């Protein structure tokens, strides 16, 4: 028999066996991975065996020679099946160990798994950790917002009842009560606005109207808007912006992010000390920064200042003097929606918050 004929015969038989094996695997596709591995080995051995047997018969090998060939093939097939069985049992056992770990919260990735299963376990552990952190943040946010709502609502109710019952009658006190109620309503409205904006960011519903803008104009507008607050606090607010730093951004949204950083900086900087805004280009990125004199943030809290509902003293979110305390979380969401990054470092007498965006 020629070499070409041998190749044709073995290839044809191999394709038939492979097709049958694929059909069986499809039929058993929901079964254990051990069954899949056994089928793979059986297909490989069967394809080899079929080819060798066909060639042996074609070559009319008789007697002991044929028995030896067939015996060697049979032993090889049994060895292959045995190895496949052992490997499949280990894979199945490790898979069950991973499943058992998932079913026992808090999830901790088991060690010593095969590489692919270990990667899955590590990814699951990270996902569970993020989910626990988000759940904790949600609970903290609900408790905190409930507290911040209860206080002004109780005050407004008391003042409204006093006005309604005539307990307060002199014009000066009545006017003061009206002004205080209006102020509390404005604070509550700002809190609701912040919560709504944050919910849009987390839901991926923030829609940006991008246009080519210059950071110098954005800094100038933010400076003008924050100047009254800085003047009332006695803080020196200045800006240093390069002449032309173009970016593709939503001017309103990015302006809000920068304004949140500036307002936080002003509120946490003592009187007569500076807050400086800067805009320029660094390492091929557009850079906006806000430097203050707040005294710095503890190193262990630097990574948490942008978390929702983080209320550490150094987190610099507004509290009783207005806002919902979500300014930094909203700023991060807006910056990330612009494909940028936001961060904070301790620098000099205070902190430097920095926004980096792709150049337009």
Protein backbone atom coordinates (compact mmCIF):
# COMPACT_ATOMS: atom_id res chain seq x y z
CA UNK A 1 0.00 0.00 0.00
CA UNK A 2 1.36 3.41 -0.94
CA UNK A 3 1.99 6.21 1.55
CA UNK A 4 -0.70 8.35 -0.09
CA UNK A 5 -3.29 5.62 0.30
CA UNK A 6 -2.36 5.18 3.96
CA UNK A 7 -2.82 8.91 4.59
CA UNK A 8 -6.18 8.96 2.80
CA UNK A 9 -7.50 5.93 4.70
CA UNK A 10 -6.38 7.12 8.15
CA UNK A 11 -7.56 10.68 7.51
CA UNK A 12 -10.97 9.51 6.38
CA UNK A 13 -11.44 7.24 9.36
CA UNK A 14 -10.15 9.94 11.68
CA UNK A 15 -12.68 12.44 10.35
CA UNK A 16 -15.53 9.96 10.81
CA UNK A 17 -14.52 9.22 14.39
CA UNK A 18 -14.05 12.94 15.12
CA UNK A 19 -17.50 13.74 13.75
CA UNK A 20 -19.04 11.06 15.92
CA UNK A 21 -17.13 12.32 18.94
CA UNK A 22 -18.27 15.93 18.37
CA UNK A 23 -21.86 14.74 18.08
CA UNK A 24 -21.57 12.89 21.38
CA UNK A 25 -19.94 15.92 23.06
CA UNK A 26 -22.77 18.17 21.84
CA UNK A 27 -25.32 15.71 23.17
CA UNK A 28 -23.54 15.62 26.57
CA UNK A 29 -22.53 19.32 26.60
CA UNK A 30 -24.20 19.98 29.96
CA UNK A 31 -22.50 17.08 31.72
CA UNK A 32 -19.36 17.15 33.86
CA UNK A 33 -16.09 18.41 32.42
CA UNK A 34 -14.67 14.98 33.29
CA UNK A 35 -17.03 13.41 30.76
CA UNK A 36 -15.85 15.91 28.15
CA UNK A 37 -12.21 15.01 28.77
CA UNK A 38 -12.96 11.28 28.59
CA UNK A 39 -14.70 11.75 25.25
CA UNK A 40 -11.70 13.67 23.89
CA UNK A 41 -9.32 10.86 24.84
CA UNK A 42 -11.68 8.18 23.50
CA UNK A 43 -11.94 10.03 20.18
CA UNK A 44 -8.16 10.35 19.90
CA UNK A 45 -7.56 6.69 20.74
CA UNK A 46 -10.44 5.49 18.53
CA UNK A 47 -9.19 7.50 15.57
CA UNK A 48 -5.69 6.08 15.96
CA UNK A 49 -6.98 2.56 16.52
CA UNK A 50 -9.28 2.69 13.50
CA UNK A 51 -6.49 3.86 11.24
CA UNK A 52 -3.98 1.31 12.46
CA UNK A 53 -6.49 -1.56 12.32
CA UNK A 54 -7.56 -0.62 8.79
CA UNK A 55 -3.97 -0.38 7.58
CA UNK A 56 -3.05 -3.60 9.38
CA UNK A 57 -5.91 -5.47 7.76
CA UNK A 58 -5.14 -3.96 4.38
CA UNK A 59 -1.52 -5.02 4.61
CA UNK A 60 -2.74 -8.52 5.52
CA UNK A 61 -0.58 -8.79 8.60
CA UNK A 62 -1.31 -12.20 10.06
CA UNK A 63 -0.42 -14.10 13.17
CA UNK A 64 1.67 -12.77 16.06
CA UNK A 65 2.66 -9.55 14.27
CA UNK A 66 -0.93 -8.35 13.99
CA UNK A 67 -1.68 -9.39 17.57
CA UNK A 68 1.33 -7.41 18.80
CA UNK A 69 0.26 -4.27 16.89
CA UNK A 70 -3.31 -4.45 18.13
CA UNK A 71 -2.18 -5.20 21.69
CA UNK A 72 0.13 -2.15 21.72
CA UNK A 73 -2.69 0.05 20.46
CA UNK A 74 -5.13 -1.32 23.05
CA UNK A 75 -2.66 -0.79 25.90
CA UNK A 76 -1.94 2.74 24.70
CA UNK A 77 -5.65 3.49 24.58
CA UNK A 78 -6.22 2.15 28.10
CA UNK A 79 -3.29 4.18 29.43
CA UNK A 80 -4.72 7.29 27.78
CA UNK A 81 -8.14 6.66 29.25
CA UNK A 82 -6.62 6.11 32.70
CA UNK A 83 -4.68 9.37 32.56
CA UNK A 84 -7.78 11.20 31.32
CA UNK A 85 -9.79 9.72 34.18
CA UNK A 86 -7.27 10.86 36.79
CA UNK A 87 -7.00 14.37 35.32
CA UNK A 88 -10.75 14.66 34.96
CA UNK A 89 -11.30 13.65 38.58
CA UNK A 90 -8.87 16.35 39.73
CA UNK A 91 -10.49 19.01 37.57
CA UNK A 92 -13.94 18.00 38.81
CA UNK A 93 -12.74 17.99 42.44
CA UNK A 94 -11.16 21.44 42.10
CA UNK A 95 -14.28 22.76 40.38
CA UNK A 96 -16.41 21.48 43.25
CA UNK A 97 -14.01 23.07 45.72
CA UNK A 98 -14.47 26.40 43.95
CA UNK A 99 -18.26 26.00 43.94
CA UNK A 100 -18.24 25.18 47.66
CA UNK A 101 -16.14 28.30 48.37
CA UNK A 102 -18.61 30.46 46.43
CA UNK A 103 -21.47 29.11 48.52
CA UNK A 104 -19.83 30.12 51.83
CA UNK A 105 -19.81 33.90 52.28
CA UNK A 106 -17.62 35.81 52.68
CA UNK A 107 -15.98 34.32 49.59
CA UNK A 108 -12.25 33.67 49.75
CA UNK A 109 -10.54 32.30 46.66
CA UNK A 110 -9.15 28.81 47.34
CA UNK A 111 -5.48 28.29 46.53
CA UNK A 112 -3.83 25.59 44.44
CA UNK A 113 -6.44 25.45 41.68
CA UNK A 114 -5.54 24.90 38.01
CA UNK A 115 -4.52 28.15 36.34
CA UNK A 116 -7.84 28.85 34.62
CA UNK A 117 -9.92 28.04 37.70
CA UNK A 118 -7.55 30.07 39.86
CA UNK A 119 -8.04 33.07 37.57
CA UNK A 120 -11.82 32.66 37.88
CA UNK A 121 -11.56 32.35 41.67
CA UNK A 122 -9.41 35.48 41.96
CA UNK A 123 -11.80 37.43 39.73
CA UNK A 124 -14.74 36.26 41.86
CA UNK A 125 -12.97 37.32 45.04
CA UNK A 126 -12.37 40.81 43.63
CA UNK A 127 -15.99 41.03 42.47
CA UNK A 128 -17.31 39.94 45.87
CA UNK A 129 -15.05 42.47 47.59
CA UNK A 130 -16.31 45.27 45.35
CA UNK A 131 -19.90 44.20 45.94
CA UNK A 132 -19.42 44.22 49.73
CA UNK A 133 -17.81 47.65 49.54
CA UNK A 134 -20.65 49.02 47.41
CA UNK A 135 -23.27 47.51 49.69
CA UNK A 136 -21.56 49.03 52.72
CA UNK A 137 -21.39 52.39 50.96
CA UNK A 138 -25.09 52.19 50.07
CA UNK A 139 -26.06 51.44 53.66
CA UNK A 140 -23.86 54.25 54.92
CA UNK A 141 -25.29 56.65 52.35
CA UNK A 142 -28.88 55.82 53.28
CA UNK A 143 -28.17 56.27 56.99
CA UNK A 144 -26.27 59.49 56.41
CA UNK A 145 -28.82 61.04 54.05
CA UNK A 146 -31.63 60.08 56.43
CA UNK A 147 -29.83 61.88 59.23
CA UNK A 148 -29.09 64.95 57.11
CA UNK A 149 -32.71 65.11 55.97
CA UNK A 150 -34.17 64.63 59.44
CA UNK A 151 -32.34 67.59 60.99
CA UNK A 152 -33.47 70.37 58.62
CA UNK A 153 -36.96 68.88 58.28
CA UNK A 154 -37.40 68.89 62.06
CA UNK A 155 -36.25 72.51 62.22
CA UNK A 156 -38.56 73.63 59.42
CA UNK A 157 -41.48 71.80 61.00
CA UNK A 158 -40.88 73.51 64.34
CA UNK A 159 -40.63 76.94 62.71
CA UNK A 160 -43.72 76.33 60.55
CA UNK A 161 -45.73 75.24 63.59
CA UNK A 162 -44.56 78.28 65.54
CA UNK A 163 -45.68 80.56 62.71
CA UNK A 164 -48.97 78.72 62.28
CA UNK A 165 -49.84 78.77 66.00
CA UNK A 166 -48.94 82.43 66.36
CA UNK A 167 -46.24 81.68 68.92
CA UNK A 168 -43.96 83.96 66.92
CA UNK A 169 -45.59 87.26 66.05
CA UNK A 170 -42.99 90.03 65.95
CA UNK A 171 -42.02 90.91 62.37
CA UNK A 172 -38.29 90.52 62.92
CA UNK A 173 -38.57 86.93 64.19
CA UNK A 174 -41.15 86.02 61.55
CA UNK A 175 -38.83 87.32 58.84
CA UNK A 176 -35.90 85.38 60.33
CA UNK A 177 -37.98 82.19 60.39
CA UNK A 178 -38.99 82.69 56.77
CA UNK A 179 -35.38 83.25 55.72
CA UNK A 180 -34.24 80.17 57.63
CA UNK A 181 -36.96 78.00 56.08
CA UNK A 182 -35.99 79.24 52.63
CA UNK A 183 -32.33 78.47 53.34
CA UNK A 184 -33.16 74.95 54.52
CA UNK A 185 -35.31 74.34 51.43
CA UNK A 186 -32.42 75.41 49.22
CA UNK A 187 -30.10 73.04 51.06
CA UNK A 188 -32.54 70.16 50.66
CA UNK A 189 -32.98 70.98 46.98
CA UNK A 190 -29.21 70.91 46.50
CA UNK A 191 -29.05 67.56 48.29
CA UNK A 192 -31.75 66.08 46.07
CA UNK A 193 -30.00 67.44 42.97
CA UNK A 194 -26.71 65.83 44.04
CA UNK A 195 -28.40 62.49 44.74
CA UNK A 196 -30.14 62.58 41.37
CA UNK A 197 -26.89 63.42 39.57
CA UNK A 198 -25.04 60.64 41.37
CA UNK A 199 -27.77 58.13 40.53
CA UNK A 200 -27.49 59.09 36.84
CA UNK A 201 -23.72 58.60 36.95
CA UNK A 202 -23.95 55.19 38.62
CA UNK A 203 -26.71 54.09 36.22
CA UNK A 204 -24.63 55.10 33.21
CA UNK A 205 -27.32 57.58 32.20
CA UNK A 206 -25.08 60.65 32.23
CA UNK A 207 -25.27 62.16 28.74
CA UNK A 208 -22.45 64.46 27.70
CA UNK A 209 -22.70 67.15 25.03
CA UNK A 210 -19.06 67.25 24.03
CA UNK A 211 -17.57 70.24 22.28
CA UNK A 212 -14.10 71.67 21.86
CA UNK A 213 -13.46 73.99 24.82
CA UNK A 214 -10.46 75.72 26.35
CA UNK A 215 -9.52 75.00 29.95
CA UNK A 216 -8.60 78.64 30.50
CA UNK A 217 -12.21 79.67 29.89
CA UNK A 218 -13.44 76.89 32.18
CA UNK A 219 -11.11 78.04 34.94
CA UNK A 220 -12.19 81.67 34.50
CA UNK A 221 -15.88 80.74 34.76
CA UNK A 222 -15.25 78.61 37.87
CA UNK A 223 -13.22 81.41 39.45
CA UNK A 224 -16.04 83.89 38.89
CA UNK A 225 -18.62 81.51 40.35
CA UNK A 226 -16.63 80.62 43.46
CA UNK A 227 -15.30 84.12 44.20
CA UNK A 228 -18.26 85.18 46.40
CA UNK A 229 -17.85 82.07 48.60
CA UNK A 230 -14.10 82.63 48.87
CA UNK A 231 -14.58 86.31 49.74
CA UNK A 232 -17.12 85.45 52.44
CA UNK A 233 -14.72 82.88 53.90
CA UNK A 234 -11.73 85.22 53.62
CA UNK A 235 -9.86 82.79 51.34
CA UNK A 236 -7.63 84.08 48.55
CA UNK A 237 -8.78 82.38 45.34
CA UNK A 238 -6.42 82.63 42.34
CA UNK A 239 -6.00 80.95 38.97
CA UNK A 240 -3.05 80.11 36.73
CA UNK A 241 -4.11 78.84 33.30
CA UNK A 242 -2.13 78.28 30.10
CA UNK A 243 -3.36 80.30 27.15
CA UNK A 244 -4.59 77.39 25.04
CA UNK A 245 -5.36 73.92 26.40
CA UNK A 246 -8.15 72.42 24.24
CA UNK A 247 -10.23 69.41 25.28
CA UNK A 248 -13.33 67.68 23.95
CA UNK A 249 -15.71 67.92 26.89
CA UNK A 250 -19.13 68.90 28.16
CA UNK A 251 -18.43 72.37 29.51
CA UNK A 252 -21.32 72.29 31.98
CA UNK A 253 -20.52 68.87 33.45
CA UNK A 254 -16.76 69.41 33.62
CA UNK A 255 -17.34 72.87 35.10
CA UNK A 256 -19.43 71.28 37.84
CA UNK A 257 -16.67 68.80 38.65
CA UNK A 258 -14.09 71.60 38.89
CA UNK A 259 -16.48 73.77 40.92
CA UNK A 260 -17.02 70.93 43.41
CA UNK A 261 -13.26 70.69 43.95
CA UNK A 262 -12.91 74.45 44.38
CA UNK A 263 -15.85 74.72 46.80
CA UNK A 264 -14.42 71.90 48.93
CA UNK A 265 -11.02 73.56 48.91
CA UNK A 266 -12.43 76.94 49.96
CA UNK A 267 -14.53 75.45 52.76
CA UNK A 268 -11.56 73.60 54.23
CA UNK A 269 -8.96 76.34 53.90
CA UNK A 270 -8.52 78.80 56.80
CA UNK A 271 -9.05 82.50 56.21
CA UNK A 272 -6.31 84.55 54.55
CA UNK A 273 -4.73 81.45 52.97
CA UNK A 274 -4.78 80.71 49.23
CA UNK A 275 -6.62 78.26 47.02
CA UNK A 276 -5.02 78.01 43.58
CA UNK A 277 -6.51 76.60 40.37
CA UNK A 278 -4.14 75.63 37.58
CA UNK A 279 -4.66 74.48 34.02
CA UNK A 280 -1.97 73.25 31.66
CA UNK A 281 -0.51 70.30 29.81
CA UNK A 282 1.52 67.58 31.54
CA UNK A 283 2.81 64.36 29.98
CA UNK A 284 0.60 64.80 26.94
CA UNK A 285 -2.58 65.20 29.02
CA UNK A 286 -4.70 68.24 29.83
CA UNK A 287 -4.39 68.89 33.55
CA UNK A 288 -6.66 70.79 35.94
CA UNK A 289 -5.60 71.08 39.57
CA UNK A 290 -6.88 72.71 42.75
CA UNK A 291 -4.39 73.28 45.57
CA UNK A 292 -5.48 74.33 49.06
CA UNK A 293 -4.19 74.81 52.59
CA UNK A 294 -6.49 72.39 54.41
CA UNK A 295 -3.68 70.80 56.43
CA UNK A 296 -3.58 67.56 54.47
CA UNK A 297 -5.49 64.29 54.48
CA UNK A 298 -4.34 61.21 56.45
CA UNK A 299 -2.57 58.82 54.10
CA UNK A 300 -4.93 55.95 54.92
CA UNK A 301 -7.91 58.07 53.81
CA UNK A 302 -6.50 59.42 50.54
CA UNK A 303 -7.87 56.49 48.56
CA UNK A 304 -11.37 56.92 50.05
CA UNK A 305 -12.09 60.62 49.61
CA UNK A 306 -13.98 60.00 46.34
CA UNK A 307 -16.18 57.25 47.79
CA UNK A 308 -19.89 57.83 48.13
CA UNK A 309 -20.86 58.75 51.69
CA UNK A 310 -17.31 58.78 53.05
CA UNK A 311 -17.52 61.26 55.91
CA UNK A 312 -14.01 61.36 57.32
CA UNK A 313 -13.04 64.78 58.59
CA UNK A 314 -10.40 64.97 55.87
CA UNK A 315 -12.79 63.90 53.14
CA UNK A 316 -13.62 67.59 52.69
CA UNK A 317 -17.24 67.08 51.67
CA UNK A 318 -19.74 69.78 52.65
CA UNK A 319 -21.77 69.08 55.75
CA UNK A 320 -23.93 71.45 57.71
CA UNK A 321 -23.02 74.45 55.58
CA UNK A 322 -24.70 73.12 52.43
CA UNK A 323 -24.65 70.43 49.81
CA UNK A 324 -25.26 66.72 50.08
CA UNK A 325 -21.67 65.75 50.75
CA UNK A 326 -21.45 64.03 47.38
CA UNK A 327 -19.34 66.60 45.56
CA UNK A 328 -16.19 64.53 45.22
CA UNK A 329 -18.06 61.37 44.18
CA UNK A 330 -19.93 63.36 41.51
CA UNK A 331 -16.68 64.95 40.32
CA UNK A 332 -15.10 61.52 39.91
CA UNK A 333 -18.10 60.22 37.94
CA UNK A 334 -18.04 63.22 35.59
CA UNK A 335 -14.30 62.99 35.00
CA UNK A 336 -14.42 59.25 34.32
CA UNK A 337 -17.30 59.83 31.89
CA UNK A 338 -14.86 62.10 30.00
CA UNK A 339 -12.31 59.23 29.86
CA UNK A 340 -10.18 61.08 32.38
CA UNK A 341 -8.77 60.37 35.83
CA UNK A 342 -9.03 62.26 39.09
CA UNK A 343 -6.79 61.97 42.12
CA UNK A 344 -5.55 63.70 45.23
CA UNK A 345 -2.15 64.01 46.92
CA UNK A 346 -0.89 65.82 49.98
CA UNK A 347 1.25 68.72 48.93
CA UNK A 348 2.76 71.53 50.99
CA UNK A 349 0.32 72.95 53.54
CA UNK A 350 -2.65 71.11 52.10
CA UNK A 351 -3.83 68.94 49.22
CA UNK A 352 -3.79 69.01 45.47
CA UNK A 353 -6.77 67.59 43.61
CA UNK A 354 -5.97 66.90 39.98
CA UNK A 355 -8.04 66.11 36.90
CA UNK A 356 -6.33 64.68 33.82
CA UNK A 357 -8.10 64.55 30.47
CA UNK A 358 -7.12 63.60 26.92
CA UNK A 359 -6.13 66.62 24.86
CA UNK A 360 -8.67 67.69 22.27
